[in-house]
Amino acid sequence: MKKIDEVVNDFVADVRGATGGALRSVVLYGSAVTDDFVAERSDFNFVIVLTEVSHASLDRMSPLAKRWHKRRVSTPIVVDPQFLPAALDSYPIEILSMKAKYRVLEGPDPLAELQPATRDVRLQCEREVRAKLLHLRRGYIDAEGRAGDLLRVLQRGHASLVALLRGMLYLQGGRWNEFGEAFDRSCTEKLNVSFEMLARVRAQRFARKPSSAEQLKADYADLLAAMERLALETDRWVFPDSAR
């Protein structure tokens, strides 16, 4: 916790210095706000809200990026106050990922009033599940049966998989804002996606090689089958036009 606070406090100080009076809010979101955070492995994710996003403010933040990356701080999302409300219908899954677990570090809360409409979440889920399915199929072909390559496909796509499943849980009344084991179990309860498979994939998201090549290949096949099924199911889901 001390290391997390140190990184977070230094980041906020950097942003204050770089943006001055234009700074409105800073938000930390994702695993760094949860028990699912893995020291020296997990990334820090931030949203910066400026009264106006100018070229000059981006220019002043640019020299800080290399130092941020060394501390596993992902390049922050920088927006003006109107950006996220306007993007609610286009990127509802990404906004749900921010809202799942977050902490306001500076200024007013830019996420509190954002409530994605079910119709928008369903539409993005339908697109994303098909994209995930194609990604898994292509990765399987390219891996030529090598478990290490299959593992890397799962690792590179883990964040987008979680975001997709989070959107589907939101639609199905599951615990969409959970992390770790609670999230995996909700996927089993509401989406019929294997808890054991999800837990093993999550546990290996930073591994250099599979703990078991045969188990990894079986998990990959199970995830591929789940995406094939969900691609068909989401196409039939119908929800009211109003927000949840």
Protein backbone atom coordinates (compact mmCIF):
# COMPACT_ATOMS: atom_id res chain seq x y z
CA MET A 1 0.00 0.00 0.00
CA LYS A 2 2.86 2.37 0.79
CA LYS A 3 4.36 1.85 -2.69
CA ILE A 4 0.96 2.42 -4.32
CA ASP A 5 0.45 5.66 -2.38
CA GLU A 6 3.94 6.83 -3.29
CA VAL A 7 3.36 6.27 -7.02
CA VAL A 8 -0.09 7.86 -6.88
CA ASN A 9 1.04 10.94 -4.93
CA ASP A 10 4.02 11.50 -7.22
CA PHE A 11 1.80 11.20 -10.28
CA VAL A 12 -0.71 13.75 -9.00
CA ALA A 13 2.14 16.15 -8.17
CA ASP A 14 3.52 15.72 -11.69
CA VAL A 15 0.14 16.42 -13.26
CA ARG A 16 -0.44 19.48 -11.09
CA GLY A 17 2.92 20.87 -12.13
CA ALA A 18 2.39 20.14 -15.81
CA THR A 19 -1.18 21.39 -16.16
CA GLY A 20 -1.43 24.18 -13.58
CA GLY A 21 -4.77 25.92 -13.44
CA ALA A 22 -6.21 23.73 -16.18
CA LEU A 23 -6.39 20.68 -13.88
CA ARG A 24 -9.92 19.77 -12.87
CA SER A 25 -9.82 16.11 -11.73
CA VAL A 26 -7.50 13.13 -11.39
CA VAL A 27 -8.94 9.62 -11.01
CA LEU A 28 -7.15 6.33 -10.31
CA TYR A 29 -9.09 3.30 -11.54
CA GLY A 30 -8.70 -0.44 -12.00
CA SER A 31 -6.76 -3.05 -10.06
CA ALA A 32 -4.64 -0.49 -8.15
CA VAL A 33 -7.79 0.28 -6.13
CA THR A 34 -8.41 -3.42 -5.38
CA ASP A 35 -6.86 -6.46 -3.73
CA ASP A 36 -6.25 -7.85 -7.24
CA PHE A 37 -3.26 -5.51 -7.68
CA VAL A 38 0.05 -7.38 -8.13
CA ALA A 39 3.07 -5.33 -7.03
CA GLU A 40 5.72 -4.84 -9.73
CA ARG A 41 3.35 -6.37 -12.29
CA SER A 42 0.02 -4.54 -12.43
CA ASP A 43 -0.29 -1.14 -14.06
CA PHE A 44 -1.61 2.12 -12.63
CA ASN A 45 -4.42 3.63 -14.70
CA PHE A 46 -5.44 7.28 -14.46
CA VAL A 47 -7.95 9.67 -15.99
CA ILE A 48 -7.01 13.35 -16.06
CA VAL A 49 -9.75 15.92 -16.64
CA LEU A 50 -8.61 19.36 -17.77
CA THR A 51 -10.83 22.39 -18.21
CA GLU A 52 -9.42 22.45 -21.73
CA VAL A 53 -7.07 19.95 -23.37
CA SER A 54 -4.48 22.08 -25.12
CA HIS A 55 -1.43 21.13 -27.13
CA ALA A 56 0.66 22.98 -24.57
CA SER A 57 -0.60 20.85 -21.66
CA LEU A 58 0.09 17.63 -23.58
CA ASP A 59 3.54 18.97 -24.46
CA ARG A 60 4.34 19.55 -20.79
CA MET A 61 3.22 16.03 -19.82
CA SER A 62 5.12 14.30 -22.61
CA PRO A 63 8.59 14.41 -20.96
CA LEU A 64 7.10 12.71 -17.87
CA ALA A 65 5.90 9.63 -19.74
CA LYS A 66 9.17 7.68 -19.66
CA ARG A 67 9.45 8.05 -15.88
CA TRP A 68 5.80 7.12 -15.45
CA HIS A 69 6.23 3.98 -17.52
CA LYS A 70 9.20 2.89 -15.40
CA ARG A 71 6.83 2.90 -12.41
CA ARG A 72 4.18 0.97 -14.38
CA VAL A 73 1.99 4.02 -14.83
CA SER A 74 0.10 3.63 -18.11
CA THR A 75 -0.11 6.71 -20.30
CA PRO A 76 -3.10 8.51 -18.77
CA ILE A 77 -6.40 9.24 -20.45
CA VAL A 78 -6.64 13.02 -20.82
CA VAL A 79 -10.06 14.55 -21.46
CA ASP A 80 -12.06 17.73 -21.04
CA PRO A 81 -15.23 17.74 -18.85
CA GLN A 82 -17.54 17.07 -21.82
CA PHE A 83 -15.64 14.13 -23.29
CA LEU A 84 -16.79 11.23 -21.07
CA PRO A 85 -20.51 12.17 -21.01
CA ALA A 86 -20.42 12.52 -24.80
CA ALA A 87 -18.68 9.13 -25.14
CA LEU A 88 -21.16 7.28 -22.93
CA ASP A 89 -23.07 5.82 -25.90
CA SER A 90 -19.94 5.02 -27.93
CA TYR A 91 -17.64 3.54 -25.28
CA PRO A 92 -19.89 2.28 -22.48
CA ILE A 93 -17.70 -0.77 -21.73
CA GLU A 94 -14.61 1.37 -21.23
CA ILE A 95 -16.56 3.69 -18.94
CA LEU A 96 -17.87 0.70 -16.97
CA SER A 97 -14.26 -0.45 -16.57
CA MET A 98 -13.41 2.93 -15.06
CA LYS A 99 -16.48 2.95 -12.82
CA ALA A 100 -15.98 -0.60 -11.53
CA LYS A 101 -13.41 0.49 -8.95
CA TYR A 102 -11.92 3.98 -8.79
CA ARG A 103 -10.68 6.65 -6.44
CA VAL A 104 -10.92 10.39 -7.02
CA LEU A 105 -7.54 11.91 -6.16
CA GLU A 106 -8.19 15.51 -7.13
CA GLY A 107 -11.26 17.64 -7.85
CA PRO A 108 -14.87 16.62 -8.56
CA ASP A 109 -15.87 13.07 -9.49
CA PRO A 110 -16.19 12.88 -13.31
CA LEU A 111 -17.66 9.34 -13.27
CA ALA A 112 -20.37 9.50 -10.63
CA GLU A 113 -23.21 10.60 -12.92
CA LEU A 114 -22.29 8.40 -15.87
CA GLN A 115 -24.78 5.52 -16.28
CA PRO A 116 -24.50 3.60 -19.59
CA ALA A 117 -27.74 2.65 -21.33
CA THR A 118 -28.28 -1.08 -21.72
CA ARG A 119 -28.87 -0.75 -25.47
CA ASP A 120 -25.45 0.87 -25.91
CA VAL A 121 -23.69 -1.71 -23.74
CA ARG A 122 -25.34 -4.57 -25.63
CA LEU A 123 -24.33 -3.15 -29.00
CA GLN A 124 -20.69 -2.77 -27.95
CA CYS A 125 -20.68 -6.24 -26.36
CA GLU A 126 -21.95 -7.72 -29.61
CA ARG A 127 -19.12 -6.06 -31.53
CA GLU A 128 -16.44 -6.86 -28.97
CA VAL A 129 -17.33 -10.52 -28.47
CA ARG A 130 -17.04 -11.12 -32.21
CA ALA A 131 -13.71 -9.29 -32.27
CA LYS A 132 -12.50 -11.40 -29.33
CA LEU A 133 -13.62 -14.58 -31.05
CA LEU A 134 -11.71 -13.71 -34.23
CA HIS A 135 -8.65 -12.73 -32.18
CA LEU A 136 -8.64 -16.07 -30.36
CA ARG A 137 -9.06 -18.02 -33.60
CA ARG A 138 -6.20 -16.18 -35.30
CA GLY A 139 -4.01 -16.58 -32.24
CA TYR A 140 -4.68 -20.31 -32.20
CA ILE A 141 -3.63 -20.65 -35.84
CA ASP A 142 -0.48 -18.58 -35.37
CA ALA A 143 0.57 -20.48 -32.24
CA GLU A 144 0.89 -23.76 -34.17
CA GLY A 145 0.14 -25.68 -30.98
CA ARG A 146 2.84 -23.97 -28.87
CA ALA A 147 1.48 -23.45 -25.36
CA GLY A 148 3.79 -20.49 -24.72
CA ASP A 149 2.39 -18.63 -27.72
CA LEU A 150 -1.17 -19.44 -26.68
CA LEU A 151 -0.38 -18.05 -23.25
CA ARG A 152 0.85 -14.80 -24.76
CA VAL A 153 -2.37 -14.46 -26.78
CA LEU A 154 -4.39 -14.80 -23.55
CA GLN A 155 -2.12 -12.41 -21.66
CA ARG A 156 -2.29 -9.69 -24.33
CA GLY A 157 -6.05 -9.99 -24.52
CA HIS A 158 -6.84 -10.42 -20.82
CA ALA A 159 -7.73 -6.78 -20.10
CA SER A 160 -10.11 -6.58 -23.06
CA LEU A 161 -11.64 -9.95 -22.10
CA VAL A 162 -12.38 -8.71 -18.58
CA ALA A 163 -13.86 -5.47 -19.96
CA LEU A 164 -16.10 -7.46 -22.32
CA LEU A 165 -17.29 -9.83 -19.60
CA ARG A 166 -17.86 -6.83 -17.32
CA GLY A 167 -20.20 -5.33 -19.89
CA MET A 168 -22.09 -8.62 -20.22
CA LEU A 169 -22.42 -8.91 -16.43
CA TYR A 170 -23.80 -5.37 -16.35
CA LEU A 171 -26.50 -6.44 -18.81
CA GLN A 172 -27.31 -9.67 -16.96
CA GLY A 173 -27.47 -8.15 -13.48
CA GLY A 174 -24.23 -9.74 -12.32
CA ARG A 175 -21.50 -8.32 -10.08
CA TRP A 176 -19.94 -6.33 -12.90
CA ASN A 177 -17.93 -4.05 -10.61
CA GLU A 178 -16.00 -6.83 -8.85
CA PHE A 179 -12.43 -7.98 -9.40
CA GLY A 180 -10.54 -11.24 -8.98
CA GLU A 181 -12.35 -14.34 -7.69
CA ALA A 182 -15.67 -12.56 -7.10
CA PHE A 183 -15.69 -11.39 -10.71
CA ASP A 184 -14.83 -14.86 -12.03
CA ARG A 185 -17.62 -16.44 -9.98
CA SER A 186 -20.15 -13.91 -11.23
CA CYS A 187 -19.15 -14.80 -14.81
CA THR A 188 -19.97 -18.42 -13.99
CA GLU A 189 -23.29 -17.59 -12.33
CA LYS A 190 -24.59 -15.17 -14.96
CA LEU A 191 -22.74 -16.08 -18.18
CA ASN A 192 -21.97 -19.78 -17.65
CA VAL A 193 -18.25 -19.20 -18.23
CA SER A 194 -16.06 -21.59 -16.24
CA PHE A 195 -14.82 -20.10 -12.96
CA GLU A 196 -11.90 -22.52 -12.86
CA MET A 197 -10.78 -21.60 -16.37
CA LEU A 198 -11.06 -17.86 -15.73
CA ALA A 199 -9.19 -18.18 -12.43
CA ARG A 200 -6.33 -20.10 -14.06
CA VAL A 201 -6.06 -17.61 -16.93
CA ARG A 202 -6.08 -14.70 -14.48
CA ALA A 203 -3.42 -16.36 -12.31
CA GLN A 204 -1.09 -16.70 -15.30
CA ARG A 205 -1.55 -13.23 -16.76
CA PHE A 206 2.02 -12.28 -15.77
CA ALA A 207 3.64 -15.72 -16.13
CA ARG A 208 6.62 -16.27 -18.45
CA LYS A 209 5.48 -19.77 -19.34
CA PRO A 210 2.38 -21.92 -18.69
CA SER A 211 2.28 -23.76 -15.39
CA SER A 212 0.90 -26.70 -17.39
CA ALA A 213 1.00 -26.77 -21.19
CA GLU A 214 -1.86 -29.25 -21.51
CA GLN A 215 -4.06 -27.36 -19.05
CA LEU A 216 -3.35 -24.08 -20.84
CA LYS A 217 -4.38 -25.59 -24.18
CA ALA A 218 -7.59 -26.92 -22.60
CA ASP A 219 -8.34 -23.52 -21.05
CA TYR A 220 -7.75 -21.81 -24.39
CA ALA A 221 -10.20 -24.21 -26.06
CA ASP A 222 -12.78 -23.60 -23.29
CA LEU A 223 -12.47 -19.82 -23.64
CA LEU A 224 -12.80 -20.07 -27.41
CA ALA A 225 -15.96 -22.16 -27.02
CA ALA A 226 -17.38 -19.68 -24.49
CA MET A 227 -16.82 -16.76 -26.87
CA GLU A 228 -18.47 -18.69 -29.71
CA ARG A 229 -21.54 -19.30 -27.52
CA LEU A 230 -21.70 -15.73 -26.18
CA ALA A 231 -21.39 -14.31 -29.70
CA LEU A 232 -24.62 -16.11 -30.57
CA GLU A 233 -26.36 -15.26 -27.30
CA THR A 234 -25.65 -11.52 -27.28
CA ASP A 235 -27.18 -11.26 -30.73
CA ARG A 236 -30.50 -12.36 -29.18
CA TRP A 237 -30.38 -10.24 -26.01
CA VAL A 238 -33.06 -7.54 -25.94
CA PHE A 239 -33.13 -4.71 -23.41
CA PRO A 240 -35.21 -1.53 -22.95
CA ASP A 241 -33.89 1.69 -24.43
CA SER A 242 -33.60 3.40 -21.08
CA ALA A 243 -30.47 3.38 -18.93
CA ARG A 244 -30.25 0.92 -16.06
